[in-house]
């Protein structure tokens, strides 16, 4: 009997890869990483039921790992952005002169 390819293994791999550089786009990478994990869940269930019937588990596993890394990076970026807004305020982020003044005040303390 010929082995079947896991139907979404390549999709999970692509979404996992894209979730990492997409963390620069304020949450898009988070959505891609979560989507990759949800799609991987279906294939993982199929593979666990009959592992001898499927191939491509390496791509699925790699995609899941990359998706988890992408989710963690995106979560850290969101936490960092919230911290920056809390410390400097939204007005300072929009006005570079005000930001420099706030940084100068913090360095003098």
PDB file of N, CA and C in Angstrom:
ATOM      1  N   UNK A   1       0.836  -1.183   0.000  1.00  0.00           N
ATOM      2  CA  UNK A   1       0.000   0.000   0.000  1.00  0.00           C
ATOM      3  C   UNK A   1       0.880   1.245   0.000  1.00  0.00           C
ATOM      4  N   UNK A   2       0.551   2.171  -0.861  1.00  0.00           N
ATOM      5  CA  UNK A   2       1.330   3.390  -0.989  1.00  0.00           C
ATOM      6  C   UNK A   2       0.927   4.395   0.086  1.00  0.00           C
ATOM      7  N   UNK A   3       1.927   5.068   0.634  1.00  0.00           N
ATOM      8  CA  UNK A   3       1.656   6.057   1.673  1.00  0.00           C
ATOM      9  C   UNK A   3       1.057   7.322   1.068  1.00  0.00           C
ATOM     10  N   UNK A   4       0.141   7.916   1.816  1.00  0.00           N
ATOM     11  CA  UNK A   4      -0.470   9.179   1.398  1.00  0.00           C
ATOM     12  C   UNK A   4       0.294  10.326   2.053  1.00  0.00           C
ATOM     13  N   UNK A   5       0.279  11.473   1.380  1.00  0.00           N
ATOM     14  CA  UNK A   5       0.848  12.669   1.994  1.00  0.00           C
ATOM     15  C   UNK A   5      -0.177  13.259   2.935  1.00  0.00           C
ATOM     16  N   UNK A   6       0.304  13.797   4.038  1.00  0.00           N
ATOM     17  CA  UNK A   6      -0.602  14.524   4.920  1.00  0.00           C
ATOM     18  C   UNK A   6      -1.111  15.748   4.148  1.00  0.00           C
ATOM     19  N   UNK A   7      -2.411  15.932   4.067  1.00  0.00           N
ATOM     20  CA  UNK A   7      -2.954  16.946   3.151  1.00  0.00           C
ATOM     21  C   UNK A   7      -2.561  18.381   3.470  1.00  0.00           C
ATOM     22  N   UNK A   8      -2.346  18.706   4.723  1.00  0.00           N
ATOM     23  CA  UNK A   8      -2.074  20.103   5.078  1.00  0.00           C
ATOM     24  C   UNK A   8      -0.670  20.337   5.605  1.00  0.00           C
ATOM     25  N   UNK A   9       0.215  19.373   5.465  1.00  0.00           N
ATOM     26  CA  UNK A   9       1.565  19.510   6.024  1.00  0.00           C
ATOM     27  C   UNK A   9       2.312  20.692   5.399  1.00  0.00           C
ATOM     28  N   UNK A  10       2.211  20.859   4.108  1.00  0.00           N
ATOM     29  CA  UNK A  10       2.896  21.965   3.433  1.00  0.00           C
ATOM     30  C   UNK A  10       2.276  23.297   3.827  1.00  0.00           C
ATOM     31  N   UNK A  11       0.965  23.338   3.969  1.00  0.00           N
ATOM     32  CA  UNK A  11       0.280  24.569   4.381  1.00  0.00           C
ATOM     33  C   UNK A  11       0.724  24.979   5.782  1.00  0.00           C
ATOM     34  N   UNK A  12       0.819  24.008   6.676  1.00  0.00           N
ATOM     35  CA  UNK A  12       1.254  24.290   8.047  1.00  0.00           C
ATOM     36  C   UNK A  12       2.688  24.814   8.038  1.00  0.00           C
ATOM     37  N   UNK A  13       3.538  24.211   7.222  1.00  0.00           N
ATOM     38  CA  UNK A  13       4.928  24.648   7.128  1.00  0.00           C
ATOM     39  C   UNK A  13       5.010  26.089   6.621  1.00  0.00           C
ATOM     40  N   UNK A  14       4.257  26.420   5.589  1.00  0.00           N
ATOM     41  CA  UNK A  14       4.273  27.780   5.033  1.00  0.00           C
ATOM     42  C   UNK A  14       3.741  28.784   6.045  1.00  0.00           C
ATOM     43  N   UNK A  15       2.624  28.455   6.694  1.00  0.00           N
ATOM     44  CA  UNK A  15       2.066  29.372   7.693  1.00  0.00           C
ATOM     45  C   UNK A  15       3.022  29.551   8.867  1.00  0.00           C
ATOM     46  N   UNK A  16       3.679  28.474   9.280  1.00  0.00           N
ATOM     47  CA  UNK A  16       4.648  28.568  10.363  1.00  0.00           C
ATOM     48  C   UNK A  16       5.828  29.440  10.002  1.00  0.00           C
ATOM     49  N   UNK A  17       6.324  29.289   8.781  1.00  0.00           N
ATOM     50  CA  UNK A  17       7.442  30.123   8.321  1.00  0.00           C
ATOM     51  C   UNK A  17       7.021  31.584   8.256  1.00  0.00           C
ATOM     52  N   UNK A  18       5.850  31.857   7.714  1.00  0.00           N
ATOM     53  CA  UNK A  18       5.393  33.237   7.567  1.00  0.00           C
ATOM     54  C   UNK A  18       5.056  33.898   8.901  1.00  0.00           C
ATOM     55  N   UNK A  19       4.730  33.123   9.904  1.00  0.00           N
ATOM     56  CA  UNK A  19       4.361  33.716  11.196  1.00  0.00           C
ATOM     57  C   UNK A  19       5.546  34.406  11.869  1.00  0.00           C
ATOM     58  N   UNK A  20       6.756  33.986  11.556  1.00  0.00           N
ATOM     59  CA  UNK A  20       7.928  34.577  12.212  1.00  0.00           C
ATOM     60  C   UNK A  20       8.237  35.978  11.669  1.00  0.00           C
ATOM     61  N   UNK A  21       8.445  36.173  10.362  1.00  0.00           N
ATOM     62  CA  UNK A  21       8.713  37.545   9.920  1.00  0.00           C
ATOM     63  C   UNK A  21       7.484  38.453   9.994  1.00  0.00           C
ATOM     64  N   UNK A  22       6.299  37.865  10.037  1.00  0.00           N
ATOM     65  CA  UNK A  22       5.085  38.687  10.100  1.00  0.00           C
ATOM     66  C   UNK A  22       4.876  39.271  11.492  1.00  0.00           C
ATOM     67  N   UNK A  23       5.732  38.943  12.453  1.00  0.00           N
ATOM     68  CA  UNK A  23       5.570  39.531  13.781  1.00  0.00           C
ATOM     69  C   UNK A  23       5.841  41.033  13.740  1.00  0.00           C
ATOM     70  N   UNK A  24       6.460  41.508  12.684  1.00  0.00           N
ATOM     71  CA  UNK A  24       6.709  42.941  12.533  1.00  0.00           C
ATOM     72  C   UNK A  24       5.447  43.706  12.125  1.00  0.00           C
ATOM     73  N   UNK A  25       4.375  43.014  11.847  1.00  0.00           N
ATOM     74  CA  UNK A  25       3.163  43.649  11.346  1.00  0.00           C
ATOM     75  C   UNK A  25       2.018  43.605  12.356  1.00  0.00           C
ATOM     76  N   UNK A  26       2.340  43.775  13.639  1.00  0.00           N
ATOM     77  CA  UNK A  26       1.355  43.983  14.698  1.00  0.00           C
ATOM     78  C   UNK A  26       0.228  42.970  14.733  1.00  0.00           C
ATOM     79  N   UNK A  27       0.553  41.729  14.937  1.00  0.00           N
ATOM     80  CA  UNK A  27      -0.467  40.722  15.168  1.00  0.00           C
ATOM     81  C   UNK A  27      -0.805  39.830  13.991  1.00  0.00           C
ATOM     82  N   UNK A  28      -0.346  40.172  12.796  1.00  0.00           N
ATOM     83  CA  UNK A  28      -0.628  39.310  11.646  1.00  0.00           C
ATOM     84  C   UNK A  28       0.066  37.965  11.834  1.00  0.00           C
ATOM     85  N   UNK A  29       1.278  37.995  12.337  1.00  0.00           N
ATOM     86  CA  UNK A  29       2.014  36.763  12.596  1.00  0.00           C
ATOM     87  C   UNK A  29       1.344  35.905  13.649  1.00  0.00           C
ATOM     88  N   UNK A  30       0.699  36.553  14.610  1.00  0.00           N
ATOM     89  CA  UNK A  30      -0.040  35.814  15.639  1.00  0.00           C
ATOM     90  C   UNK A  30      -1.188  35.047  15.002  1.00  0.00           C
ATOM     91  N   UNK A  31      -1.888  35.691  14.099  1.00  0.00           N
ATOM     92  CA  UNK A  31      -3.002  35.036  13.402  1.00  0.00           C
ATOM     93  C   UNK A  31      -2.496  33.885  12.529  1.00  0.00           C
ATOM     94  N   UNK A  32      -1.377  34.088  11.854  1.00  0.00           N
ATOM     95  CA  UNK A  32      -0.813  33.029  11.009  1.00  0.00           C
ATOM     96  C   UNK A  32      -0.358  31.838  11.852  1.00  0.00           C
ATOM     97  N   UNK A  33       0.263  32.110  12.991  1.00  0.00           N
ATOM     98  CA  UNK A  33       0.719  31.034  13.863  1.00  0.00           C
ATOM     99  C   UNK A  33      -0.433  30.224  14.434  1.00  0.00           C
ATOM    100  N   UNK A  34      -1.478  30.919  14.851  1.00  0.00           N
ATOM    101  CA  UNK A  34      -2.648  30.218  15.383  1.00  0.00           C
ATOM    102  C   UNK A  34      -3.322  29.402  14.289  1.00  0.00           C
ATOM    103  N   UNK A  35      -3.423  29.979  13.091  1.00  0.00           N
ATOM    104  CA  UNK A  35      -4.019  29.242  11.969  1.00  0.00           C
ATOM    105  C   UNK A  35      -3.208  27.985  11.658  1.00  0.00           C
ATOM    106  N   UNK A  36      -1.878  28.102  11.703  1.00  0.00           N
ATOM    107  CA  UNK A  36      -1.024  26.944  11.440  1.00  0.00           C
ATOM    108  C   UNK A  36      -1.261  25.841  12.470  1.00  0.00           C
ATOM    109  N   UNK A  37      -1.397  26.219  13.724  1.00  0.00           N
ATOM    110  CA  UNK A  37      -1.635  25.209  14.762  1.00  0.00           C
ATOM    111  C   UNK A  37      -2.997  24.546  14.613  1.00  0.00           C
ATOM    112  N   UNK A  38      -3.995  25.323  14.224  1.00  0.00           N
ATOM    113  CA  UNK A  38      -5.326  24.750  14.041  1.00  0.00           C
ATOM    114  C   UNK A  38      -5.369  23.778  12.864  1.00  0.00           C
ATOM    115  N   UNK A  39      -4.704  24.150  11.776  1.00  0.00           N
ATOM    116  CA  UNK A  39      -4.662  23.272  10.613  1.00  0.00           C
ATOM    117  C   UNK A  39      -3.834  22.021  10.919  1.00  0.00           C
ATOM    118  N   UNK A  40      -2.752  22.199  11.666  1.00  0.00           N
ATOM    119  CA  UNK A  40      -1.885  21.066  12.018  1.00  0.00           C
ATOM    120  C   UNK A  40      -2.612  20.063  12.906  1.00  0.00           C
ATOM    121  N   UNK A  41      -3.518  20.552  13.719  1.00  0.00           N
ATOM    122  CA  UNK A  41      -4.247  19.670  14.628  1.00  0.00           C
ATOM    123  C   UNK A  41      -5.015  18.585  13.861  1.00  0.00           C
ATOM    124  N   UNK A  42      -5.599  18.957  12.729  1.00  0.00           N
ATOM    125  CA  UNK A  42      -6.353  17.993  11.911  1.00  0.00           C
ATOM    126  C   UNK A  42      -5.433  16.903  11.362  1.00  0.00           C
ATOM    127  N   UNK A  43      -4.312  17.314  10.793  1.00  0.00           N
ATOM    128  CA  UNK A  43      -3.377  16.335  10.223  1.00  0.00           C
ATOM    129  C   UNK A  43      -2.721  15.484  11.306  1.00  0.00           C
ATOM    130  N   UNK A  44      -2.441  16.080  12.433  1.00  0.00           N
ATOM    131  CA  UNK A  44      -1.835  15.340  13.532  1.00  0.00           C
ATOM    132  C   UNK A  44      -2.766  14.233  14.018  1.00  0.00           C
ATOM    133  N   UNK A  45      -4.044  14.531  14.065  1.00  0.00           N
ATOM    134  CA  UNK A  45      -5.026  13.523  14.467  1.00  0.00           C
ATOM    135  C   UNK A  45      -5.044  12.367  13.456  1.00  0.00           C
ATOM    136  N   UNK A  46      -5.028  12.693  12.172  1.00  0.00           N
ATOM    137  CA  UNK A  46      -5.011  11.658  11.134  1.00  0.00           C
ATOM    138  C   UNK A  46      -3.742  10.803  11.225  1.00  0.00           C
ATOM    139  N   UNK A  47      -2.609  11.462  11.443  1.00  0.00           N
ATOM    140  CA  UNK A  47      -1.341  10.750  11.517  1.00  0.00           C
ATOM    141  C   UNK A  47      -1.301   9.818  12.720  1.00  0.00           C
ATOM    142  N   UNK A  48      -1.798  10.277  13.853  1.00  0.00           N
ATOM    143  CA  UNK A  48      -1.765   9.442  15.061  1.00  0.00           C
ATOM    144  C   UNK A  48      -2.679   8.224  14.953  1.00  0.00           C
ATOM    145  N   UNK A  49      -3.748   8.333  14.180  1.00  0.00           N
ATOM    146  CA  UNK A  49      -4.641   7.183  14.004  1.00  0.00           C
ATOM    147  C   UNK A  49      -3.976   6.080  13.185  1.00  0.00           C
ATOM    148  N   UNK A  50      -3.203   6.479  12.155  1.00  0.00           N
ATOM    149  CA  UNK A  50      -2.573   5.487  11.286  1.00  0.00           C
ATOM    150  C   UNK A  50      -1.236   6.027  10.765  1.00  0.00           C
ATOM    151  N   UNK A  51      -0.176   6.004  11.575  1.00  0.00           N
ATOM    152  CA  UNK A  51       1.096   6.596  11.162  1.00  0.00           C
ATOM    153  C   UNK A  51       1.763   5.885   9.990  1.00  0.00           C
ATOM    154  N   UNK A  52       1.471   4.622   9.788  1.00  0.00           N
ATOM    155  CA  UNK A  52       2.097   3.893   8.692  1.00  0.00           C
ATOM    156  C   UNK A  52       1.496   4.259   7.333  1.00  0.00           C
ATOM    157  N   UNK A  53       0.359   4.912   7.333  1.00  0.00           N
ATOM    158  CA  UNK A  53      -0.341   5.240   6.098  1.00  0.00           C
ATOM    159  C   UNK A  53       0.013   6.627   5.558  1.00  0.00           C
ATOM    160  N   UNK A  54       0.738   7.443   6.349  1.00  0.00           N
ATOM    161  CA  UNK A  54       1.005   8.826   5.947  1.00  0.00           C
ATOM    162  C   UNK A  54       2.497   9.117   5.907  1.00  0.00           C
ATOM    163  N   UNK A  55       2.857  10.051   5.040  1.00  0.00           N
ATOM    164  CA  UNK A  55       4.213  10.582   4.996  1.00  0.00           C
ATOM    165  C   UNK A  55       4.118  12.103   5.053  1.00  0.00           C
ATOM    166  N   UNK A  56       5.213  12.755   5.346  1.00  0.00           N
ATOM    167  CA  UNK A  56       5.234  14.211   5.445  1.00  0.00           C
ATOM    168  C   UNK A  56       5.072  14.710   6.863  1.00  0.00           C
ATOM    169  N   UNK A  57       5.258  13.817   7.836  1.00  0.00           N
ATOM    170  CA  UNK A  57       5.112  14.230   9.223  1.00  0.00           C
ATOM    171  C   UNK A  57       6.208  15.224   9.614  1.00  0.00           C
ATOM    172  N   UNK A  58       7.371  15.125   9.002  1.00  0.00           N
ATOM    173  CA  UNK A  58       8.466  16.068   9.301  1.00  0.00           C
ATOM    174  C   UNK A  58       8.086  17.494   8.989  1.00  0.00           C
ATOM    175  N   UNK A  59       7.433  17.715   7.846  1.00  0.00           N
ATOM    176  CA  UNK A  59       6.974  19.057   7.491  1.00  0.00           C
ATOM    177  C   UNK A  59       5.935  19.558   8.484  1.00  0.00           C
ATOM    178  N   UNK A  60       5.046  18.667   8.889  1.00  0.00           N
ATOM    179  CA  UNK A  60       4.007  19.034   9.843  1.00  0.00           C
ATOM    180  C   UNK A  60       4.624  19.428  11.181  1.00  0.00           C
ATOM    181  N   UNK A  61       5.563  18.636  11.631  1.00  0.00           N
ATOM    182  CA  UNK A  61       6.223  18.888  12.912  1.00  0.00           C
ATOM    183  C   UNK A  61       7.018  20.196  12.870  1.00  0.00           C
ATOM    184  N   UNK A  62       7.753  20.410  11.787  1.00  0.00           N
ATOM    185  CA  UNK A  62       8.535  21.632  11.631  1.00  0.00           C
ATOM    186  C   UNK A  62       7.632  22.852  11.575  1.00  0.00           C
ATOM    187  N   UNK A  63       6.537  22.753  10.830  1.00  0.00           N
ATOM    188  CA  UNK A  63       5.582  23.855  10.743  1.00  0.00           C
ATOM    189  C   UNK A  63       4.975  24.197  12.089  1.00  0.00           C
ATOM    190  N   UNK A  64       4.671  23.176  12.880  1.00  0.00           N
ATOM    191  CA  UNK A  64       4.115  23.413  14.220  1.00  0.00           C
ATOM    192  C   UNK A  64       5.130  24.129  15.111  1.00  0.00           C
ATOM    193  N   UNK A  65       6.374  23.698  15.052  1.00  0.00           N
ATOM    194  CA  UNK A  65       7.418  24.329  15.867  1.00  0.00           C
ATOM    195  C   UNK A  65       7.606  25.787  15.456  1.00  0.00           C
ATOM    196  N   UNK A  66       7.652  26.039  14.146  1.00  0.00           N
ATOM    197  CA  UNK A  66       7.803  27.411  13.670  1.00  0.00           C
ATOM    198  C   UNK A  66       6.594  28.266  14.051  1.00  0.00           C
ATOM    199  N   UNK A  67       5.408  27.693  14.021  1.00  0.00           N
ATOM    200  CA  UNK A  67       4.208  28.425  14.411  1.00  0.00           C
ATOM    201  C   UNK A  67       4.259  28.805  15.885  1.00  0.00           C
ATOM    202  N   UNK A  68       4.730  27.889  16.719  1.00  0.00           N
ATOM    203  CA  UNK A  68       4.853  28.190  18.148  1.00  0.00           C
ATOM    204  C   UNK A  68       5.880  29.297  18.375  1.00  0.00           C
ATOM    205  N   UNK A  69       6.998  29.227  17.661  1.00  0.00           N
ATOM    206  CA  UNK A  69       8.008  30.284  17.765  1.00  0.00           C
ATOM    207  C   UNK A  69       7.417  31.619  17.313  1.00  0.00           C
ATOM    208  N   UNK A  70       6.678  31.614  16.213  1.00  0.00           N
ATOM    209  CA  UNK A  70       6.041  32.836  15.719  1.00  0.00           C
ATOM    210  C   UNK A  70       5.046  33.405  16.710  1.00  0.00           C
ATOM    211  N   UNK A  71       4.264  32.543  17.348  1.00  0.00           N
ATOM    212  CA  UNK A  71       3.286  33.008  18.342  1.00  0.00           C
ATOM    213  C   UNK A  71       4.005  33.640  19.533  1.00  0.00           C
ATOM    214  N   UNK A  72       5.075  33.006  19.997  1.00  0.00           N
ATOM    215  CA  UNK A  72       5.820  33.550  21.131  1.00  0.00           C
ATOM    216  C   UNK A  72       6.442  34.899  20.770  1.00  0.00           C
ATOM    217  N   UNK A  73       7.060  35.002  19.605  1.00  0.00           N
ATOM    218  CA  UNK A  73       7.652  36.276  19.180  1.00  0.00           C
ATOM    219  C   UNK A  73       6.596  37.368  19.066  1.00  0.00           C
ATOM    220  N   UNK A  74       5.443  37.023  18.501  1.00  0.00           N
ATOM    221  CA  UNK A  74       4.371  38.006  18.367  1.00  0.00           C
ATOM    222  C   UNK A  74       3.842  38.440  19.725  1.00  0.00           C
ATOM    223  N   UNK A  75       3.686  37.501  20.640  1.00  0.00           N
ATOM    224  CA  UNK A  75       3.210  37.847  21.982  1.00  0.00           C
ATOM    225  C   UNK A  75       4.215  38.762  22.686  1.00  0.00           C
ATOM    226  N   UNK A  76       5.508  38.456  22.550  1.00  0.00           N
ATOM    227  CA  UNK A  76       6.530  39.315  23.157  1.00  0.00           C
ATOM    228  C   UNK A  76       6.513  40.715  22.557  1.00  0.00           C
ATOM    229  N   UNK A  77       6.332  40.820  21.256  1.00  0.00           N
ATOM    230  CA  UNK A  77       6.277  42.125  20.604  1.00  0.00           C
ATOM    231  C   UNK A  77       5.069  42.921  21.086  1.00  0.00           C
ATOM    232  N   UNK A  78       3.931  42.270  21.220  1.00  0.00           N
ATOM    233  CA  UNK A  78       2.730  42.963  21.687  1.00  0.00           C
ATOM    234  C   UNK A  78       2.924  43.436  23.125  1.00  0.00           C
ATOM    235  N   UNK A  79       3.505  42.588  23.976  1.00  0.00           N
ATOM    236  CA  UNK A  79       3.779  42.991  25.362  1.00  0.00           C
ATOM    237  C   UNK A  79       4.759  44.164  25.392  1.00  0.00           C
ATOM    238  N   UNK A  80       5.782  44.117  24.546  1.00  0.00           N
ATOM    239  CA  UNK A  80       6.754  45.203  24.466  1.00  0.00           C
ATOM    240  C   UNK A  80       6.089  46.508  24.045  1.00  0.00           C
ATOM    241  N   UNK A  81       5.229  46.434  23.037  1.00  0.00           N
ATOM    242  CA  UNK A  81       4.547  47.648  22.569  1.00  0.00           C
ATOM    243  C   UNK A  81       3.635  48.227  23.652  1.00  0.00           C
ATOM    244  N   UNK A  82       2.944  47.378  24.382  1.00  0.00           N
ATOM    245  CA  UNK A  82       2.089  47.849  25.474  1.00  0.00           C
ATOM    246  C   UNK A  82       2.943  48.515  26.549  1.00  0.00           C
ATOM    247  N   UNK A  83       4.096  47.932  26.864  1.00  0.00           N
ATOM    248  CA  UNK A  83       4.988  48.521  27.864  1.00  0.00           C
ATOM    249  C   UNK A  83       5.503  49.884  27.407  1.00  0.00           C
ATOM    250  N   UNK A  84       5.870  49.999  26.145  1.00  0.00           N
ATOM    251  CA  UNK A  84       6.354  51.279  25.612  1.00  0.00           C
ATOM    252  C   UNK A  84       5.264  52.341  25.702  1.00  0.00           C
ATOM    253  N   UNK A  85       4.053  51.969  25.343  1.00  0.00           N
ATOM    254  CA  UNK A  85       2.940  52.919  25.420  1.00  0.00           C
ATOM    255  C   UNK A  85       2.682  53.321  26.859  1.00  0.00           C
ATOM    256  N   UNK A  86       2.786  52.373  27.793  1.00  0.00           N
ATOM    257  CA  UNK A  86       2.567  52.691  29.208  1.00  0.00           C
ATOM    258  C   UNK A  86       3.657  53.616  29.754  1.00  0.00           C
ATOM    259  N   UNK A  87       4.902  53.416  29.340  1.00  0.00           N
ATOM    260  CA  UNK A  87       6.011  54.220  29.857  1.00  0.00           C
ATOM    261  C   UNK A  87       6.038  55.604  29.222  1.00  0.00           C
ATOM    262  N   UNK A  88       5.933  55.680  27.909  1.00  0.00           N
ATOM    263  CA  UNK A  88       6.094  56.955  27.211  1.00  0.00           C
ATOM    264  C   UNK A  88       4.778  57.632  26.849  1.00  0.00           C
ATOM    265  N   UNK A  89       3.730  56.877  26.687  1.00  0.00           N
ATOM    266  CA  UNK A  89       2.449  57.447  26.284  1.00  0.00           C
ATOM    267  C   UNK A  89       2.322  57.490  24.770  1.00  0.00           C
ATOM    268  N   UNK A  90       1.099  57.523  24.315  1.00  0.00           N
ATOM    269  CA  UNK A  90       0.843  57.506  22.876  1.00  0.00           C
ATOM    270  C   UNK A  90       1.295  58.803  22.209  1.00  0.00           C
ATOM    271  N   UNK A  91       1.174  59.925  22.904  1.00  0.00           N
ATOM    272  CA  UNK A  91       1.566  61.213  22.320  1.00  0.00           C
ATOM    273  C   UNK A  91       3.058  61.242  22.016  1.00  0.00           C
ATOM    274  N   UNK A  92       3.870  60.646  22.899  1.00  0.00           N
ATOM    275  CA  UNK A  92       5.315  60.631  22.682  1.00  0.00           C
ATOM    276  C   UNK A  92       5.689  59.756  21.491  1.00  0.00           C
ATOM    277  N   UNK A  93       4.921  58.727  21.237  1.00  0.00           N
ATOM    278  CA  UNK A  93       5.203  57.869  20.083  1.00  0.00           C
ATOM    279  C   UNK A  93       4.917  58.586  18.772  1.00  0.00           C
ATOM    280  N   UNK A  94       3.981  59.511  18.804  1.00  0.00           N
ATOM    281  CA  UNK A  94       3.615  60.234  17.577  1.00  0.00           C
ATOM    282  C   UNK A  94       4.491  61.456  17.340  1.00  0.00           C
ATOM    283  N   UNK A  95       5.138  61.980  18.388  1.00  0.00           N
ATOM    284  CA  UNK A  95       5.946  63.200  18.280  1.00  0.00           C
ATOM    285  C   UNK A  95       7.391  62.887  18.684  1.00  0.00           C
ATOM    286  N   UNK A  96       8.322  62.855  17.721  1.00  0.00           N
ATOM    287  CA  UNK A  96       9.715  62.508  18.038  1.00  0.00           C
ATOM    288  C   UNK A  96      10.375  63.468  19.027  1.00  0.00           C
ATOM    289  N   UNK A  97      10.045  64.764  18.952  1.00  0.00           N
ATOM    290  CA  UNK A  97      10.647  65.728  19.875  1.00  0.00           C
ATOM    291  C   UNK A  97      10.202  65.443  21.307  1.00  0.00           C
ATOM    292  N   UNK A  98       8.936  65.137  21.499  1.00  0.00           N
ATOM    293  CA  UNK A  98       8.428  64.805  22.820  1.00  0.00           C
ATOM    294  C   UNK A  98       9.066  63.510  23.330  1.00  0.00           C
ATOM    295  N   UNK A  99       9.276  62.561  22.450  1.00  0.00           N
ATOM    296  CA  UNK A  99       9.923  61.297  22.833  1.00  0.00           C
ATOM    297  C   UNK A  99      11.347  61.552  23.307  1.00  0.00           C
ATOM    298  N   UNK A 100      12.090  62.402  22.584  1.00  0.00           N
ATOM    299  CA  UNK A 100      13.462  62.715  22.996  1.00  0.00           C
ATOM    300  C   UNK A 100      13.480  63.403  24.354  1.00  0.00           C
ATOM    301  N   UNK A 101      12.521  64.292  24.579  1.00  0.00           N
ATOM    302  CA  UNK A 101      12.433  64.977  25.866  1.00  0.00           C
ATOM    303  C   UNK A 101      12.167  63.987  27.005  1.00  0.00           C
ATOM    304  N   UNK A 102      11.249  63.050  26.785  1.00  0.00           N
ATOM    305  CA  UNK A 102      10.938  62.052  27.820  1.00  0.00           C
ATOM    306  C   UNK A 102      12.142  61.154  28.086  1.00  0.00           C
ATOM    307  N   UNK A 103      12.875  60.767  27.041  1.00  0.00           N
ATOM    308  CA  UNK A 103      14.067  59.939  27.224  1.00  0.00           C
ATOM    309  C   UNK A 103      15.141  60.711  27.987  1.00  0.00           C
ATOM    310  N   UNK A 104      15.295  62.003  27.665  1.00  0.00           N
ATOM    311  CA  UNK A 104      16.271  62.836  28.361  1.00  0.00           C
ATOM    312  C   UNK A 104      15.892  62.955  29.842  1.00  0.00           C
ATOM    313  N   UNK A 105      14.615  63.134  30.133  1.00  0.00           N
ATOM    314  CA  UNK A 105      14.166  63.223  31.527  1.00  0.00           C
ATOM    315  C   UNK A 105      14.431  61.908  32.274  1.00  0.00           C
ATOM    316  N   UNK A 106      14.209  60.793  31.615  1.00  0.00           N
ATOM    317  CA  UNK A 106      14.443  59.500  32.267  1.00  0.00           C
ATOM    318  C   UNK A 106      15.923  59.268  32.528  1.00  0.00           C
ATOM    319  N   UNK A 107      16.794  59.732  31.625  1.00  0.00           N
ATOM    320  CA  UNK A 107      18.226  59.501  31.792  1.00  0.00           C
ATOM    321  C   UNK A 107      18.819  60.406  32.868  1.00  0.00           C
ATOM    322  N   UNK A 108      18.186  61.537  33.165  1.00  0.00           N
ATOM    323  CA  UNK A 108      18.676  62.452  34.191  1.00  0.00           C
ATOM    324  C   UNK A 108      18.328  61.965  35.592  1.00  0.00           C
ATOM    325  N   UNK A 109      17.361  61.099  35.710  1.00  0.00           N
ATOM    326  CA  UNK A 109      16.937  60.657  37.048  1.00  0.00           C
ATOM    327  C   UNK A 109      17.884  59.693  37.658  1.00  0.00           C
TER     328      UNK A 109
END
